[in-house]
Structures are given as C-alpha cells and as structure tokens.
Amino acid sequence: MIEQRPWGFYEVLSDAVDHKVKRITVHPGKRLSLQRHKHRSEHWFIVEGMAHIQIGNEEFTAVVGDSVDISTGELHRIEAVDRVVFIEVQTGTYFGEDDIERLEDDYGR
C-alpha cells in the first residue's frame, strides 16, 4: 500500500516485530521534516537520485549506493535534489508513525 505525503510517498516492504522496511520516494526540491525518534534507529540506502542529508549537525550529499545510519534520538532530515528513492530499515522497539518528533516542518504538521 502506498502512503502519500506532501513531500512524496512511501511503501512498507516489511513490517515485523523486530524491524520495518520502507521504500521512500521524495519529489525534487522537497524534504522531510527535521525529526527524531525515541524508539527506533534507521539505516538509509540511496537507490535513485541525489539528496542532501542532515544527521545531527553534519550535512552532506548522498548519491546512489551511499548509505547512512541514524541512531535513536538523533536529529535527521533528507532533501531531494532530483527525485530520490531510498530504502529505510528501521530497528528498535516501536515503529509507529507517532514516533516522529518534528522540530521543523515545511508542511505545518
């Protein structure tokens, strides 16, 4: 099932007790909120496009084949330069969408 968002969309590929895997597509020039999670860490693997990524105070550009790890509680954000697709693997104790603490959001959520 595809979940639409103002920045693009995602599809859950696997949802288990010990992990969740999503395929996330971000439209060109759009970005996710600056956020963190209390109950999960994330691993992102870029499969299409180019993105600007912020993790903590570090900012860098990622392209196809690059991956990043985001620890539980760490601030993070991704912004698409062109259409970007990445695989997100979540591990931790809870994977609900209500485990998103947004510190900045372009869409007023």
C-alpha atoms as a PDB file:
ATOM      1  CA  MET A   1       0.000   0.000   0.000  1.00  0.00           C
ATOM      2  CA  ILE A   2       1.351   3.432  -0.994  1.00  0.00           C
ATOM      3  CA  GLU A   3       1.192   6.177   1.657  1.00  0.00           C
ATOM      4  CA  GLN A   4       1.099   9.687   0.150  1.00  0.00           C
ATOM      5  CA  ARG A   5       2.852  12.560   1.937  1.00  0.00           C
ATOM      6  CA  PRO A   6       3.335  16.234   0.950  1.00  0.00           C
ATOM      7  CA  TRP A   7       6.995  15.506   0.083  1.00  0.00           C
ATOM      8  CA  GLY A   8       6.352  12.273  -1.876  1.00  0.00           C
ATOM      9  CA  PHE A   9       5.267   8.789  -0.837  1.00  0.00           C
ATOM     10  CA  TYR A  10       6.398   5.535   0.745  1.00  0.00           C
ATOM     11  CA  GLU A  11       5.578   1.841   0.648  1.00  0.00           C
ATOM     12  CA  VAL A  12       6.133  -0.583   3.522  1.00  0.00           C
ATOM     13  CA  LEU A  13       8.059  -3.598   2.217  1.00  0.00           C
ATOM     14  CA  SER A  14       8.334  -5.467   5.515  1.00  0.00           C
ATOM     15  CA  ASP A  15       6.704  -4.925   8.918  1.00  0.00           C
ATOM     16  CA  ALA A  16       7.791  -7.339  11.646  1.00  0.00           C
ATOM     17  CA  VAL A  17       8.172  -7.355  15.412  1.00  0.00           C
ATOM     18  CA  ASP A  18      11.895  -6.535  15.206  1.00  0.00           C
ATOM     19  CA  HIS A  19      12.082  -4.277  12.112  1.00  0.00           C
ATOM     20  CA  LYS A  20      10.255  -2.286   9.429  1.00  0.00           C
ATOM     21  CA  VAL A  21      11.460  -1.655   5.856  1.00  0.00           C
ATOM     22  CA  LYS A  22      10.151   1.161   3.627  1.00  0.00           C
ATOM     23  CA  ARG A  23      10.818   2.258   0.059  1.00  0.00           C
ATOM     24  CA  ILE A  24      10.620   6.067   0.228  1.00  0.00           C
ATOM     25  CA  THR A  25      10.371   8.444  -2.747  1.00  0.00           C
ATOM     26  CA  VAL A  26      10.959  12.187  -2.280  1.00  0.00           C
ATOM     27  CA  HIS A  27       9.979  14.577  -5.081  1.00  0.00           C
ATOM     28  CA  PRO A  28      12.605  17.027  -6.436  1.00  0.00           C
ATOM     29  CA  GLY A  29      13.131  20.015  -4.143  1.00  0.00           C
ATOM     30  CA  LYS A  30      11.034  18.523  -1.334  1.00  0.00           C
ATOM     31  CA  ARG A  31      12.251  17.459   2.081  1.00  0.00           C
ATOM     32  CA  LEU A  32      11.081  15.570   5.109  1.00  0.00           C
ATOM     33  CA  SER A  33      10.730  17.295   8.455  1.00  0.00           C
ATOM     34  CA  LEU A  34      13.731  17.730  10.734  1.00  0.00           C
ATOM     35  CA  GLN A  35      12.893  14.913  13.121  1.00  0.00           C
ATOM     36  CA  ARG A  36      13.998  12.312  15.612  1.00  0.00           C
ATOM     37  CA  HIS A  37      12.627   9.082  17.056  1.00  0.00           C
ATOM     38  CA  LYS A  38      12.566   7.788  20.638  1.00  0.00           C
ATOM     39  CA  HIS A  39      12.114   4.108  19.859  1.00  0.00           C
ATOM     40  CA  ARG A  40      13.980   3.313  16.653  1.00  0.00           C
ATOM     41  CA  SER A  41      17.172   3.757  14.671  1.00  0.00           C
ATOM     42  CA  GLU A  42      17.254   3.899  10.882  1.00  0.00           C
ATOM     43  CA  HIS A  43      19.556   2.856   8.054  1.00  0.00           C
ATOM     44  CA  TRP A  44      19.058   4.593   4.678  1.00  0.00           C
ATOM     45  CA  PHE A  45      20.366   3.236   1.362  1.00  0.00           C
ATOM     46  CA  ILE A  46      20.040   5.525  -1.683  1.00  0.00           C
ATOM     47  CA  VAL A  47      18.824   3.638  -4.785  1.00  0.00           C
ATOM     48  CA  GLU A  48      17.945   6.566  -7.092  1.00  0.00           C
ATOM     49  CA  GLY A  49      18.844  10.256  -7.352  1.00  0.00           C
ATOM     50  CA  MET A  50      20.811  12.687  -5.224  1.00  0.00           C
ATOM     51  CA  ALA A  51      19.918  14.062  -1.789  1.00  0.00           C
ATOM     52  CA  HIS A  52      21.142  16.470   0.846  1.00  0.00           C
ATOM     53  CA  ILE A  53      21.122  14.760   4.223  1.00  0.00           C
ATOM     54  CA  GLN A  54      21.426  16.204   7.700  1.00  0.00           C
ATOM     55  CA  ILE A  55      22.279  13.965  10.637  1.00  0.00           C
ATOM     56  CA  GLY A  56      22.840  15.849  13.862  1.00  0.00           C
ATOM     57  CA  ASN A  57      24.957  18.897  12.961  1.00  0.00           C
ATOM     58  CA  GLU A  58      26.529  17.212   9.919  1.00  0.00           C
ATOM     59  CA  GLU A  59      25.259  17.919   6.388  1.00  0.00           C
ATOM     60  CA  PHE A  60      26.365  16.116   3.239  1.00  0.00           C
ATOM     61  CA  THR A  61      25.253  14.978  -0.218  1.00  0.00           C
ATOM     62  CA  ALA A  62      24.391  11.341  -0.921  1.00  0.00           C
ATOM     63  CA  VAL A  63      24.011   9.557  -4.273  1.00  0.00           C
ATOM     64  CA  VAL A  64      23.102   6.075  -5.491  1.00  0.00           C
ATOM     65  CA  GLY A  65      24.934   3.435  -3.469  1.00  0.00           C
ATOM     66  CA  ASP A  66      25.523   5.640  -0.427  1.00  0.00           C
ATOM     67  CA  SER A  67      24.112   4.697   2.950  1.00  0.00           C
ATOM     68  CA  VAL A  68      23.795   6.350   6.349  1.00  0.00           C
ATOM     69  CA  ASP A  69      22.964   5.224   9.873  1.00  0.00           C
ATOM     70  CA  ILE A  70      20.767   7.287  12.175  1.00  0.00           C
ATOM     71  CA  SER A  71      20.863   6.460  15.880  1.00  0.00           C
ATOM     72  CA  THR A  72      17.812   6.528  18.129  1.00  0.00           C
ATOM     73  CA  GLY A  73      17.175  10.136  19.226  1.00  0.00           C
ATOM     74  CA  GLU A  74      19.419  11.675  16.548  1.00  0.00           C
ATOM     75  CA  LEU A  75      18.080  14.624  14.525  1.00  0.00           C
ATOM     76  CA  HIS A  76      17.853  13.914  10.791  1.00  0.00           C
ATOM     77  CA  ARG A  77      16.385  15.130   7.514  1.00  0.00           C
ATOM     78  CA  ILE A  78      16.636  14.324   3.804  1.00  0.00           C
ATOM     79  CA  GLU A  79      16.031  16.717   0.898  1.00  0.00           C
ATOM     80  CA  ALA A  80      15.793  15.603  -2.737  1.00  0.00           C
ATOM     81  CA  VAL A  81      17.986  17.412  -5.275  1.00  0.00           C
ATOM     82  CA  ASP A  82      16.251  15.460  -8.010  1.00  0.00           C
ATOM     83  CA  ARG A  83      13.794  12.613  -7.436  1.00  0.00           C
ATOM     84  CA  VAL A  84      15.362  10.473  -4.728  1.00  0.00           C
ATOM     85  CA  VAL A  85      14.427   6.951  -3.706  1.00  0.00           C
ATOM     86  CA  PHE A  86      15.878   5.241  -0.668  1.00  0.00           C
ATOM     87  CA  ILE A  87      15.332   2.095   1.333  1.00  0.00           C
ATOM     88  CA  GLU A  88      14.847   2.723   5.042  1.00  0.00           C
ATOM     89  CA  VAL A  89      15.428  -0.103   7.522  1.00  0.00           C
ATOM     90  CA  GLN A  90      14.098   0.636  10.998  1.00  0.00           C
ATOM     91  CA  THR A  91      15.210  -1.338  14.054  1.00  0.00           C
ATOM     92  CA  GLY A  92      14.208  -0.812  17.665  1.00  0.00           C
ATOM     93  CA  THR A  93      11.219  -1.408  19.891  1.00  0.00           C
ATOM     94  CA  TYR A  94       8.407   0.522  18.155  1.00  0.00           C
ATOM     95  CA  PHE A  95       7.824   1.527  14.519  1.00  0.00           C
ATOM     96  CA  GLY A  96       4.587   3.557  14.564  1.00  0.00           C
ATOM     97  CA  GLU A  97       4.267   6.848  12.678  1.00  0.00           C
ATOM     98  CA  ASP A  98       3.526   8.566  16.011  1.00  0.00           C
ATOM     99  CA  ASP A  99       7.199   8.043  16.994  1.00  0.00           C
ATOM    100  CA  ILE A 100       8.153  11.112  14.953  1.00  0.00           C
ATOM    101  CA  GLU A 101       9.112  14.254  16.853  1.00  0.00           C
ATOM    102  CA  ARG A 102       9.184  17.079  14.295  1.00  0.00           C
ATOM    103  CA  LEU A 103      11.373  20.070  15.145  1.00  0.00           C
ATOM    104  CA  GLU A 104      10.908  21.821  11.747  1.00  0.00           C
ATOM    105  CA  ASP A 105       8.360  21.007   9.062  1.00  0.00           C
ATOM    106  CA  ASP A 106       7.698  22.705   5.726  1.00  0.00           C
ATOM    107  CA  TYR A 107       4.116  21.424   5.727  1.00  0.00           C
ATOM    108  CA  GLY A 108       2.856  22.602   9.140  1.00  0.00           C
ATOM    109  CA  ARG A 109       2.426  19.172  10.656  1.00  0.00           C
END
